[in-house]
Amino acid sequence: MELLKEAGEHKIFKKRSGKYAVQDKKGKFINGQPKVEILLKAGVVKTLTPKKKEEAAAAPTEGQA
């Protein structure tokens, strides 16, 4: 793991797999929703909105069996 950024009381690491790890000042790793919030505040990751499926492509057309 390489140290990517020190954000306040947290250290953000990037793993070889491309994922991120967040460690507090005591050396304990943080997981779950708190980890996501820290990564968002630090600007490491951005939120993605799911793509809407096109209703026309999903609905079958008449005359096809």
PDB file of N, CA and C in Angstrom:
ATOM      1  N   MET A   1       0.848  -1.174   0.000  1.00  0.00           N
ATOM      2  CA  MET A   1       0.000   0.000   0.000  1.00  0.00           C
ATOM      3  C   MET A   1       0.894   1.237   0.000  1.00  0.00           C
ATOM      4  N   GLU A   2       0.454   2.224  -0.753  1.00  0.00           N
ATOM      5  CA  GLU A   2       1.181   3.483  -0.763  1.00  0.00           C
ATOM      6  C   GLU A   2       0.321   4.573  -0.136  1.00  0.00           C
ATOM      7  N   LEU A   3       0.967   5.445   0.596  1.00  0.00           N
ATOM      8  CA  LEU A   3       0.256   6.555   1.231  1.00  0.00           C
ATOM      9  C   LEU A   3      -0.142   7.532   0.144  1.00  0.00           C
ATOM     10  N   LEU A   4      -1.439   7.755   0.022  1.00  0.00           N
ATOM     11  CA  LEU A   4      -1.962   8.640  -1.005  1.00  0.00           C
ATOM     12  C   LEU A   4      -2.133  10.055  -0.478  1.00  0.00           C
ATOM     13  N   LYS A   5      -2.705  10.160   0.728  1.00  0.00           N
ATOM     14  CA  LYS A   5      -3.034  11.474   1.258  1.00  0.00           C
ATOM     15  C   LYS A   5      -3.205  11.392   2.769  1.00  0.00           C
ATOM     16  N   GLU A   6      -2.820  12.461   3.453  1.00  0.00           N
ATOM     17  CA  GLU A   6      -3.108  12.583   4.872  1.00  0.00           C
ATOM     18  C   GLU A   6      -4.178  13.649   5.005  1.00  0.00           C
ATOM     19  N   ALA A   7      -5.367  13.236   5.406  1.00  0.00           N
ATOM     20  CA  ALA A   7      -6.510  14.142   5.501  1.00  0.00           C
ATOM     21  C   ALA A   7      -6.879  14.323   6.964  1.00  0.00           C
ATOM     22  N   GLY A   8      -6.353  15.352   7.585  1.00  0.00           N
ATOM     23  CA  GLY A   8      -6.674  15.632   8.986  1.00  0.00           C
ATOM     24  C   GLY A   8      -6.178  14.533   9.901  1.00  0.00           C
ATOM     25  N   GLU A   9      -7.107  13.847  10.535  1.00  0.00           N
ATOM     26  CA  GLU A   9      -6.754  12.782  11.477  1.00  0.00           C
ATOM     27  C   GLU A   9      -6.671  11.419  10.802  1.00  0.00           C
ATOM     28  N   HIS A  10      -6.768  11.363   9.478  1.00  0.00           N
ATOM     29  CA  HIS A  10      -6.800  10.090   8.770  1.00  0.00           C
ATOM     30  C   HIS A  10      -5.709  10.010   7.719  1.00  0.00           C
ATOM     31  N   LYS A  11      -5.258   8.790   7.473  1.00  0.00           N
ATOM     32  CA  LYS A  11      -4.329   8.524   6.381  1.00  0.00           C
ATOM     33  C   LYS A  11      -5.076   7.689   5.350  1.00  0.00           C
ATOM     34  N   ILE A  12      -4.930   8.070   4.090  1.00  0.00           N
ATOM     35  CA  ILE A  12      -5.604   7.345   3.012  1.00  0.00           C
ATOM     36  C   ILE A  12      -4.533   6.646   2.189  1.00  0.00           C
ATOM     37  N   PHE A  13      -4.703   5.338   2.039  1.00  0.00           N
ATOM     38  CA  PHE A  13      -3.767   4.525   1.291  1.00  0.00           C
ATOM     39  C   PHE A  13      -4.454   3.998   0.033  1.00  0.00           C
ATOM     40  N   LYS A  14      -3.648   3.757  -1.011  1.00  0.00           N
ATOM     41  CA  LYS A  14      -4.170   3.109  -2.203  1.00  0.00           C
ATOM     42  C   LYS A  14      -3.501   1.742  -2.307  1.00  0.00           C
ATOM     43  N   LYS A  15      -4.337   0.706  -2.416  1.00  0.00           N
ATOM     44  CA  LYS A  15      -3.839  -0.652  -2.504  1.00  0.00           C
ATOM     45  C   LYS A  15      -3.463  -0.977  -3.950  1.00  0.00           C
ATOM     46  N   ARG A  16      -2.722  -2.045  -4.140  1.00  0.00           N
ATOM     47  CA  ARG A  16      -2.358  -2.464  -5.491  1.00  0.00           C
ATOM     48  C   ARG A  16      -3.572  -2.880  -6.305  1.00  0.00           C
ATOM     49  N   SER A  17      -4.635  -3.275  -5.633  1.00  0.00           N
ATOM     50  CA  SER A  17      -5.862  -3.684  -6.321  1.00  0.00           C
ATOM     51  C   SER A  17      -6.658  -2.482  -6.816  1.00  0.00           C
ATOM     52  N   GLY A  18      -6.259  -1.264  -6.421  1.00  0.00           N
ATOM     53  CA  GLY A  18      -6.963  -0.060  -6.826  1.00  0.00           C
ATOM     54  C   GLY A  18      -7.957   0.425  -5.793  1.00  0.00           C
ATOM     55  N   LYS A  19      -8.176  -0.351  -4.754  1.00  0.00           N
ATOM     56  CA  LYS A  19      -9.092   0.040  -3.687  1.00  0.00           C
ATOM     57  C   LYS A  19      -8.368   0.952  -2.706  1.00  0.00           C
ATOM     58  N   TYR A  20      -9.137   1.586  -1.820  1.00  0.00           N
ATOM     59  CA  TYR A  20      -8.577   2.512  -0.851  1.00  0.00           C
ATOM     60  C   TYR A  20      -8.741   1.972   0.558  1.00  0.00           C
ATOM     61  N   ALA A  21      -7.794   2.320   1.413  1.00  0.00           N
ATOM     62  CA  ALA A  21      -7.853   1.986   2.831  1.00  0.00           C
ATOM     63  C   ALA A  21      -7.721   3.285   3.618  1.00  0.00           C
ATOM     64  N   VAL A  22      -8.477   3.399   4.708  1.00  0.00           N
ATOM     65  CA  VAL A  22      -8.435   4.593   5.555  1.00  0.00           C
ATOM     66  C   VAL A  22      -8.047   4.160   6.959  1.00  0.00           C
ATOM     67  N   GLN A  23      -7.062   4.857   7.509  1.00  0.00           N
ATOM     68  CA  GLN A  23      -6.546   4.531   8.830  1.00  0.00           C
ATOM     69  C   GLN A  23      -6.644   5.775   9.708  1.00  0.00           C
ATOM     70  N   ASP A  24      -7.089   5.595  10.963  1.00  0.00           N
ATOM     71  CA  ASP A  24      -7.155   6.741  11.867  1.00  0.00           C
ATOM     72  C   ASP A  24      -5.782   6.976  12.503  1.00  0.00           C
ATOM     73  N   LYS A  25      -5.693   8.008  13.347  1.00  0.00           N
ATOM     74  CA  LYS A  25      -4.393   8.372  13.914  1.00  0.00           C
ATOM     75  C   LYS A  25      -3.860   7.334  14.896  1.00  0.00           C
ATOM     76  N   LYS A  26      -4.743   6.461  15.405  1.00  0.00           N
ATOM     77  CA  LYS A  26      -4.313   5.402  16.312  1.00  0.00           C
ATOM     78  C   LYS A  26      -3.812   4.168  15.568  1.00  0.00           C
ATOM     79  N   GLY A  27      -3.998   4.130  14.238  1.00  0.00           N
ATOM     80  CA  GLY A  27      -3.542   3.002  13.444  1.00  0.00           C
ATOM     81  C   GLY A  27      -4.634   2.000  13.136  1.00  0.00           C
ATOM     82  N   LYS A  28      -5.870   2.296  13.530  1.00  0.00           N
ATOM     83  CA  LYS A  28      -6.989   1.388  13.289  1.00  0.00           C
ATOM     84  C   LYS A  28      -7.610   1.708  11.930  1.00  0.00           C
ATOM     85  N   PHE A  29      -7.870   0.663  11.141  1.00  0.00           N
ATOM     86  CA  PHE A  29      -8.471   0.852   9.830  1.00  0.00           C
ATOM     87  C   PHE A  29      -9.980   1.049   9.956  1.00  0.00           C
ATOM     88  N   ILE A  30     -10.511   1.923   9.118  1.00  0.00           N
ATOM     89  CA  ILE A  30     -11.921   2.291   9.143  1.00  0.00           C
ATOM     90  C   ILE A  30     -12.602   1.652   7.936  1.00  0.00           C
ATOM     91  N   ASN A  31     -13.783   1.092   8.145  1.00  0.00           N
ATOM     92  CA  ASN A  31     -14.530   0.441   7.075  1.00  0.00           C
ATOM     93  C   ASN A  31     -15.958   0.958   7.039  1.00  0.00           C
ATOM     94  N   GLY A  32     -16.664   0.619   5.969  1.00  0.00           N
ATOM     95  CA  GLY A  32     -18.087   0.913   5.861  1.00  0.00           C
ATOM     96  C   GLY A  32     -18.376   2.350   5.489  1.00  0.00           C
ATOM     97  N   GLN A  33     -19.523   2.825   5.939  1.00  0.00           N
ATOM     98  CA  GLN A  33     -19.996   4.162   5.593  1.00  0.00           C
ATOM     99  C   GLN A  33     -19.062   5.269   6.077  1.00  0.00           C
ATOM    100  N   PRO A  34     -18.469   5.170   7.283  1.00  0.00           N
ATOM    101  CA  PRO A  34     -17.523   6.222   7.688  1.00  0.00           C
ATOM    102  C   PRO A  34     -16.333   6.344   6.726  1.00  0.00           C
ATOM    103  N   LYS A  35     -15.869   5.217   6.200  1.00  0.00           N
ATOM    104  CA  LYS A  35     -14.770   5.222   5.240  1.00  0.00           C
ATOM    105  C   LYS A  35     -15.170   5.965   3.972  1.00  0.00           C
ATOM    106  N   VAL A  36     -16.373   5.708   3.478  1.00  0.00           N
ATOM    107  CA  VAL A  36     -16.862   6.359   2.263  1.00  0.00           C
ATOM    108  C   VAL A  36     -16.966   7.862   2.477  1.00  0.00           C
ATOM    109  N   GLU A  37     -17.473   8.275   3.628  1.00  0.00           N
ATOM    110  CA  GLU A  37     -17.611   9.701   3.925  1.00  0.00           C
ATOM    111  C   GLU A  37     -16.251  10.389   3.980  1.00  0.00           C
ATOM    112  N   ILE A  38     -15.252   9.742   4.552  1.00  0.00           N
ATOM    113  CA  ILE A  38     -13.908  10.313   4.629  1.00  0.00           C
ATOM    114  C   ILE A  38     -13.311  10.450   3.226  1.00  0.00           C
ATOM    115  N   LEU A  39     -13.492   9.427   2.389  1.00  0.00           N
ATOM    116  CA  LEU A  39     -12.963   9.478   1.024  1.00  0.00           C
ATOM    117  C   LEU A  39     -13.644  10.571   0.204  1.00  0.00           C
ATOM    118  N   LEU A  40     -14.944  10.766   0.413  1.00  0.00           N
ATOM    119  CA  LEU A  40     -15.661  11.822  -0.300  1.00  0.00           C
ATOM    120  C   LEU A  40     -15.189  13.205   0.139  1.00  0.00           C
ATOM    121  N   LYS A  41     -15.034  13.397   1.448  1.00  0.00           N
ATOM    122  CA  LYS A  41     -14.585  14.700   1.962  1.00  0.00           C
ATOM    123  C   LYS A  41     -13.175  15.027   1.498  1.00  0.00           C
ATOM    124  N   ALA A  42     -12.322  14.014   1.372  1.00  0.00           N
ATOM    125  CA  ALA A  42     -10.942  14.222   0.948  1.00  0.00           C
ATOM    126  C   ALA A  42     -10.844  14.430  -0.562  1.00  0.00           C
ATOM    127  N   GLY A  43     -11.925  14.139  -1.284  1.00  0.00           N
ATOM    128  CA  GLY A  43     -11.921  14.321  -2.724  1.00  0.00           C
ATOM    129  C   GLY A  43     -11.246  13.195  -3.487  1.00  0.00           C
ATOM    130  N   VAL A  44     -11.078  12.065  -2.846  1.00  0.00           N
ATOM    131  CA  VAL A  44     -10.427  10.928  -3.486  1.00  0.00           C
ATOM    132  C   VAL A  44     -11.391  10.222  -4.442  1.00  0.00           C
ATOM    133  N   VAL A  45     -12.631  10.053  -4.022  1.00  0.00           N
ATOM    134  CA  VAL A  45     -13.651   9.431  -4.861  1.00  0.00           C
ATOM    135  C   VAL A  45     -14.785  10.420  -5.079  1.00  0.00           C
ATOM    136  N   LYS A  46     -15.527  10.199  -6.163  1.00  0.00           N
ATOM    137  CA  LYS A  46     -16.681  11.034  -6.467  1.00  0.00           C
ATOM    138  C   LYS A  46     -17.922  10.158  -6.457  1.00  0.00           C
ATOM    139  N   THR A  47     -19.062  10.772  -6.190  1.00  0.00           N
ATOM    140  CA  THR A  47     -20.304  10.009  -6.202  1.00  0.00           C
ATOM    141  C   THR A  47     -20.741   9.771  -7.634  1.00  0.00           C
ATOM    142  N   LEU A  48     -21.319   8.638  -7.864  1.00  0.00           N
ATOM    143  CA  LEU A  48     -21.829   8.293  -9.177  1.00  0.00           C
ATOM    144  C   LEU A  48     -23.334   8.134  -9.090  1.00  0.00           C
ATOM    145  N   THR A  49     -24.029   8.625 -10.077  1.00  0.00           N
ATOM    146  CA  THR A  49     -25.469   8.424 -10.138  1.00  0.00           C
ATOM    147  C   THR A  49     -25.736   7.276 -11.088  1.00  0.00           C
ATOM    148  N   PRO A  50     -26.612   6.356 -10.722  1.00  0.00           N
ATOM    149  CA  PRO A  50     -26.890   5.227 -11.605  1.00  0.00           C
ATOM    150  C   PRO A  50     -27.556   5.688 -12.893  1.00  0.00           C
ATOM    151  N   LYS A  51     -27.188   5.041 -13.990  1.00  0.00           N
ATOM    152  CA  LYS A  51     -27.777   5.382 -15.273  1.00  0.00           C
ATOM    153  C   LYS A  51     -29.207   4.881 -15.324  1.00  0.00           C
ATOM    154  N   LYS A  52     -30.087   5.687 -15.904  1.00  0.00           N
ATOM    155  CA  LYS A  52     -31.481   5.285 -16.040  1.00  0.00           C
ATOM    156  C   LYS A  52     -31.612   4.420 -17.280  1.00  0.00           C
ATOM    157  N   LYS A  53     -32.337   3.342 -17.134  1.00  0.00           N
ATOM    158  CA  LYS A  53     -32.558   2.463 -18.277  1.00  0.00           C
ATOM    159  C   LYS A  53     -33.585   3.102 -19.193  1.00  0.00           C
ATOM    160  N   GLU A  54     -33.334   3.009 -20.457  1.00  0.00           N
ATOM    161  CA  GLU A  54     -34.273   3.550 -21.424  1.00  0.00           C
ATOM    162  C   GLU A  54     -35.479   2.627 -21.511  1.00  0.00           C
ATOM    163  N   GLU A  55     -36.648   3.184 -21.325  1.00  0.00           N
ATOM    164  CA  GLU A  55     -37.861   2.381 -21.353  1.00  0.00           C
ATOM    165  C   GLU A  55     -38.125   1.836 -22.743  1.00  0.00           C
ATOM    166  N   ALA A  56     -37.751   2.569 -23.763  1.00  0.00           N
ATOM    167  CA  ALA A  56     -37.991   2.119 -25.136  1.00  0.00           C
ATOM    168  C   ALA A  56     -37.164   0.875 -25.451  1.00  0.00           C
ATOM    169  N   ALA A  57     -35.965   0.801 -24.960  1.00  0.00           N
ATOM    170  CA  ALA A  57     -35.103  -0.348 -25.230  1.00  0.00           C
ATOM    171  C   ALA A  57     -35.554  -1.570 -24.428  1.00  0.00           C
ATOM    172  N   ALA A  58     -36.133  -1.361 -23.269  1.00  0.00           N
ATOM    173  CA  ALA A  58     -36.541  -2.467 -22.420  1.00  0.00           C
ATOM    174  C   ALA A  58     -37.895  -3.074 -22.848  1.00  0.00           C
ATOM    175  N   ALA A  59     -38.749  -2.255 -23.425  1.00  0.00           N
ATOM    176  CA  ALA A  59     -40.103  -2.732 -23.815  1.00  0.00           C
ATOM    177  C   ALA A  59     -40.022  -3.444 -25.173  1.00  0.00           C
ATOM    178  N   PRO A  60     -40.587  -4.630 -25.288  1.00  0.00           N
ATOM    179  CA  PRO A  60     -40.589  -5.326 -26.582  1.00  0.00           C
ATOM    180  C   PRO A  60     -41.536  -4.632 -27.571  1.00  0.00           C
ATOM    181  N   THR A  61     -41.180  -4.672 -28.821  1.00  0.00           N
ATOM    182  CA  THR A  61     -42.011  -4.042 -29.850  1.00  0.00           C
ATOM    183  C   THR A  61     -43.036  -5.031 -30.353  1.00  0.00           C
ATOM    184  N   GLU A  62     -44.113  -4.506 -30.914  1.00  0.00           N
ATOM    185  CA  GLU A  62     -45.186  -5.366 -31.422  1.00  0.00           C
ATOM    186  C   GLU A  62     -44.710  -6.071 -32.682  1.00  0.00           C
ATOM    187  N   GLY A  63     -45.196  -7.275 -32.904  1.00  0.00           N
ATOM    188  CA  GLY A  63     -44.879  -8.029 -34.093  1.00  0.00           C
ATOM    189  C   GLY A  63     -43.687  -8.949 -33.936  1.00  0.00           C
ATOM    190  N   GLN A  64     -42.948  -8.856 -32.836  1.00  0.00           N
ATOM    191  CA  GLN A  64     -41.839  -9.756 -32.609  1.00  0.00           C
ATOM    192  C   GLN A  64     -42.285 -10.892 -31.722  1.00  0.00           C
ATOM    193  N   ALA A  65     -41.830 -12.084 -32.047  1.00  0.00           N
ATOM    194  CA  ALA A  65     -42.224 -13.259 -31.273  1.00  0.00           C
ATOM    195  C   ALA A  65     -41.235 -13.597 -30.224  1.00  0.00           C
TER     196      ALA A  65
END
